[in-house]
């Protein structure tokens, strides 16, 4: 069973920044595309950002976070990151790390094999 453990969430004022991390002990981390998703109260889980398998991998973002969020990975540390800048109250959600089926960019929940437990991000106005 693959375990993905998110950290870095918290409470921040609008305009502030947070950096989320997702760590795994899986030795084949570098073989898979990864992604970040989020779920706000009473809303469906939505895709946020995805990255392909290599450390300088191709990336893809939902329009609402382009220019503000940056996904990256460090395959030597088996860790995925999400740098979130210029945060807005509408970014408030539980953020989930996800591992894809293969090496490509994760762009939807259909492409996810494993999920982390989530970390809460709250942006106050």
C-alpha atoms as a PDB file:
ATOM      1  CA  UNK A   1       0.000   0.000   0.000  1.00  0.00           C
ATOM      2  CA  UNK A   2       1.368   3.397  -1.004  1.00  0.00           C
ATOM      3  CA  UNK A   3       1.241   6.041   1.728  1.00  0.00           C
ATOM      4  CA  UNK A   4       1.215   9.724   0.870  1.00  0.00           C
ATOM      5  CA  UNK A   5       1.520  12.173   3.770  1.00  0.00           C
ATOM      6  CA  UNK A   6       0.724  15.844   3.262  1.00  0.00           C
ATOM      7  CA  UNK A   7       1.935  18.674   5.477  1.00  0.00           C
ATOM      8  CA  UNK A   8       2.216  22.446   5.427  1.00  0.00           C
ATOM      9  CA  UNK A   9      -1.414  23.472   5.602  1.00  0.00           C
ATOM     10  CA  UNK A  10      -2.674  26.114   7.974  1.00  0.00           C
ATOM     11  CA  UNK A  11      -4.374  29.461   8.379  1.00  0.00           C
ATOM     12  CA  UNK A  12      -3.116  32.394   6.342  1.00  0.00           C
ATOM     13  CA  UNK A  13      -4.407  35.848   5.447  1.00  0.00           C
ATOM     14  CA  UNK A  14      -5.425  36.692   1.915  1.00  0.00           C
ATOM     15  CA  UNK A  15      -2.376  37.550  -0.155  1.00  0.00           C
ATOM     16  CA  UNK A  16      -0.166  35.276   1.893  1.00  0.00           C
ATOM     17  CA  UNK A  17       1.728  32.131   0.958  1.00  0.00           C
ATOM     18  CA  UNK A  18       1.930  28.497   2.003  1.00  0.00           C
ATOM     19  CA  UNK A  19       4.025  25.574   0.811  1.00  0.00           C
ATOM     20  CA  UNK A  20       2.479  22.136   0.925  1.00  0.00           C
ATOM     21  CA  UNK A  21       4.592  18.988   0.949  1.00  0.00           C
ATOM     22  CA  UNK A  22       3.668  15.392   0.201  1.00  0.00           C
ATOM     23  CA  UNK A  23       6.131  12.751   1.326  1.00  0.00           C
ATOM     24  CA  UNK A  24       6.168   9.046   0.574  1.00  0.00           C
ATOM     25  CA  UNK A  25       8.442   6.167   1.432  1.00  0.00           C
ATOM     26  CA  UNK A  26       7.635   4.520  -1.887  1.00  0.00           C
ATOM     27  CA  UNK A  27      10.899   3.786  -3.689  1.00  0.00           C
ATOM     28  CA  UNK A  28       9.237   4.034  -7.108  1.00  0.00           C
ATOM     29  CA  UNK A  29       8.006   7.613  -6.518  1.00  0.00           C
ATOM     30  CA  UNK A  30      10.075   8.859  -9.450  1.00  0.00           C
ATOM     31  CA  UNK A  31       8.235   6.504 -11.821  1.00  0.00           C
ATOM     32  CA  UNK A  32       4.864   8.214 -11.471  1.00  0.00           C
ATOM     33  CA  UNK A  33       3.112  11.421 -12.313  1.00  0.00           C
ATOM     34  CA  UNK A  34       1.690  13.261  -9.309  1.00  0.00           C
ATOM     35  CA  UNK A  35      -0.989  15.819  -8.626  1.00  0.00           C
ATOM     36  CA  UNK A  36      -2.686  18.078  -6.124  1.00  0.00           C
ATOM     37  CA  UNK A  37      -6.436  18.253  -5.696  1.00  0.00           C
ATOM     38  CA  UNK A  38      -8.643  20.186  -3.288  1.00  0.00           C
ATOM     39  CA  UNK A  39     -12.112  19.918  -1.820  1.00  0.00           C
ATOM     40  CA  UNK A  40     -13.988  22.835  -0.311  1.00  0.00           C
ATOM     41  CA  UNK A  41     -16.977  22.318   2.014  1.00  0.00           C
ATOM     42  CA  UNK A  42     -20.044  21.054   0.147  1.00  0.00           C
ATOM     43  CA  UNK A  43     -18.150  20.978  -3.138  1.00  0.00           C
ATOM     44  CA  UNK A  44     -16.700  18.183  -5.230  1.00  0.00           C
ATOM     45  CA  UNK A  45     -13.005  17.444  -5.209  1.00  0.00           C
ATOM     46  CA  UNK A  46     -11.272  19.379  -7.983  1.00  0.00           C
ATOM     47  CA  UNK A  47      -7.938  19.145  -9.764  1.00  0.00           C
ATOM     48  CA  UNK A  48      -5.420  21.887  -8.908  1.00  0.00           C
ATOM     49  CA  UNK A  49      -2.046  20.984 -10.426  1.00  0.00           C
ATOM     50  CA  UNK A  50      -0.202  18.025 -11.915  1.00  0.00           C
ATOM     51  CA  UNK A  51       3.364  17.098 -12.795  1.00  0.00           C
ATOM     52  CA  UNK A  52       4.887  14.285 -14.821  1.00  0.00           C
ATOM     53  CA  UNK A  53       7.411  11.819 -13.491  1.00  0.00           C
ATOM     54  CA  UNK A  54      10.783  13.556 -13.751  1.00  0.00           C
ATOM     55  CA  UNK A  55      12.051  16.266 -11.409  1.00  0.00           C
ATOM     56  CA  UNK A  56      11.783  18.990 -14.045  1.00  0.00           C
ATOM     57  CA  UNK A  57       8.617  17.455 -15.350  1.00  0.00           C
ATOM     58  CA  UNK A  58       5.863  18.979 -17.435  1.00  0.00           C
ATOM     59  CA  UNK A  59       3.215  20.703 -15.372  1.00  0.00           C
ATOM     60  CA  UNK A  60      -0.450  21.561 -15.750  1.00  0.00           C
ATOM     61  CA  UNK A  61      -2.712  23.828 -13.697  1.00  0.00           C
ATOM     62  CA  UNK A  62      -6.354  24.637 -13.335  1.00  0.00           C
ATOM     63  CA  UNK A  63      -6.987  28.155 -14.655  1.00  0.00           C
ATOM     64  CA  UNK A  64      -7.904  29.584 -11.255  1.00  0.00           C
ATOM     65  CA  UNK A  65      -4.394  29.008  -9.835  1.00  0.00           C
ATOM     66  CA  UNK A  66      -2.202  29.716 -12.874  1.00  0.00           C
ATOM     67  CA  UNK A  67       0.466  32.278 -12.048  1.00  0.00           C
ATOM     68  CA  UNK A  68      -0.082  31.842  -8.299  1.00  0.00           C
ATOM     69  CA  UNK A  69       0.643  28.165  -7.574  1.00  0.00           C
ATOM     70  CA  UNK A  70       3.701  26.129  -8.558  1.00  0.00           C
ATOM     71  CA  UNK A  71       3.914  22.344  -8.409  1.00  0.00           C
ATOM     72  CA  UNK A  72       7.332  20.718  -8.161  1.00  0.00           C
ATOM     73  CA  UNK A  73       8.944  17.492  -7.055  1.00  0.00           C
ATOM     74  CA  UNK A  74      12.233  16.264  -5.632  1.00  0.00           C
ATOM     75  CA  UNK A  75      12.649  12.646  -6.666  1.00  0.00           C
ATOM     76  CA  UNK A  76      15.758  12.238  -4.512  1.00  0.00           C
ATOM     77  CA  UNK A  77      13.619  13.056  -1.456  1.00  0.00           C
ATOM     78  CA  UNK A  78      10.457  11.279  -2.656  1.00  0.00           C
ATOM     79  CA  UNK A  79       8.567  14.517  -2.061  1.00  0.00           C
ATOM     80  CA  UNK A  80       5.997  16.539  -3.979  1.00  0.00           C
ATOM     81  CA  UNK A  81       5.431  20.260  -3.335  1.00  0.00           C
ATOM     82  CA  UNK A  82       2.831  22.913  -3.989  1.00  0.00           C
ATOM     83  CA  UNK A  83       3.946  26.500  -3.525  1.00  0.00           C
ATOM     84  CA  UNK A  84       0.880  28.697  -3.142  1.00  0.00           C
ATOM     85  CA  UNK A  85       1.260  32.472  -3.405  1.00  0.00           C
ATOM     86  CA  UNK A  86      -1.257  35.326  -3.473  1.00  0.00           C
ATOM     87  CA  UNK A  87      -3.767  33.137  -1.684  1.00  0.00           C
ATOM     88  CA  UNK A  88      -7.450  34.027  -1.848  1.00  0.00           C
ATOM     89  CA  UNK A  89     -10.339  33.069   0.448  1.00  0.00           C
ATOM     90  CA  UNK A  90     -11.707  30.893  -2.370  1.00  0.00           C
ATOM     91  CA  UNK A  91      -8.565  28.750  -2.123  1.00  0.00           C
ATOM     92  CA  UNK A  92      -9.811  27.513   1.262  1.00  0.00           C
ATOM     93  CA  UNK A  93     -10.124  23.723   1.085  1.00  0.00           C
ATOM     94  CA  UNK A  94      -8.618  20.427   2.112  1.00  0.00           C
ATOM     95  CA  UNK A  95      -5.710  19.772  -0.228  1.00  0.00           C
ATOM     96  CA  UNK A  96      -4.901  16.217  -1.298  1.00  0.00           C
ATOM     97  CA  UNK A  97      -1.776  14.749  -2.823  1.00  0.00           C
ATOM     98  CA  UNK A  98      -2.334  12.055  -5.456  1.00  0.00           C
ATOM     99  CA  UNK A  99      -0.254   9.497  -7.360  1.00  0.00           C
ATOM    100  CA  UNK A 100      -1.139   8.714 -10.930  1.00  0.00           C
ATOM    101  CA  UNK A 101      -1.343   5.460 -12.894  1.00  0.00           C
ATOM    102  CA  UNK A 102       1.893   6.044 -14.796  1.00  0.00           C
ATOM    103  CA  UNK A 103       4.494   8.617 -15.781  1.00  0.00           C
ATOM    104  CA  UNK A 104       2.209  11.210 -17.362  1.00  0.00           C
ATOM    105  CA  UNK A 105       0.826  14.365 -15.807  1.00  0.00           C
ATOM    106  CA  UNK A 106      -2.109  13.759 -13.480  1.00  0.00           C
ATOM    107  CA  UNK A 107      -4.988  15.919 -14.698  1.00  0.00           C
ATOM    108  CA  UNK A 108      -8.094  14.295 -13.259  1.00  0.00           C
ATOM    109  CA  UNK A 109      -9.250  12.035 -10.439  1.00  0.00           C
ATOM    110  CA  UNK A 110      -9.753   9.219 -12.965  1.00  0.00           C
ATOM    111  CA  UNK A 111      -5.976   9.069 -13.374  1.00  0.00           C
ATOM    112  CA  UNK A 112      -5.283   8.630  -9.629  1.00  0.00           C
ATOM    113  CA  UNK A 113      -4.311   5.353  -7.966  1.00  0.00           C
ATOM    114  CA  UNK A 114      -3.546   6.635  -4.461  1.00  0.00           C
ATOM    115  CA  UNK A 115      -4.589   9.591  -2.313  1.00  0.00           C
ATOM    116  CA  UNK A 116      -3.094  11.226   0.746  1.00  0.00           C
ATOM    117  CA  UNK A 117      -5.175  11.995   3.814  1.00  0.00           C
ATOM    118  CA  UNK A 118      -5.365  15.726   3.086  1.00  0.00           C
ATOM    119  CA  UNK A 119      -4.220  18.925   4.763  1.00  0.00           C
ATOM    120  CA  UNK A 120      -6.451  21.899   5.563  1.00  0.00           C
ATOM    121  CA  UNK A 121      -5.728  25.288   4.022  1.00  0.00           C
ATOM    122  CA  UNK A 122      -7.767  28.218   5.307  1.00  0.00           C
ATOM    123  CA  UNK A 123      -7.417  31.700   3.820  1.00  0.00           C
ATOM    124  CA  UNK A 124      -8.991  34.537   5.777  1.00  0.00           C
ATOM    125  CA  UNK A 125     -10.155  37.745   4.151  1.00  0.00           C
END
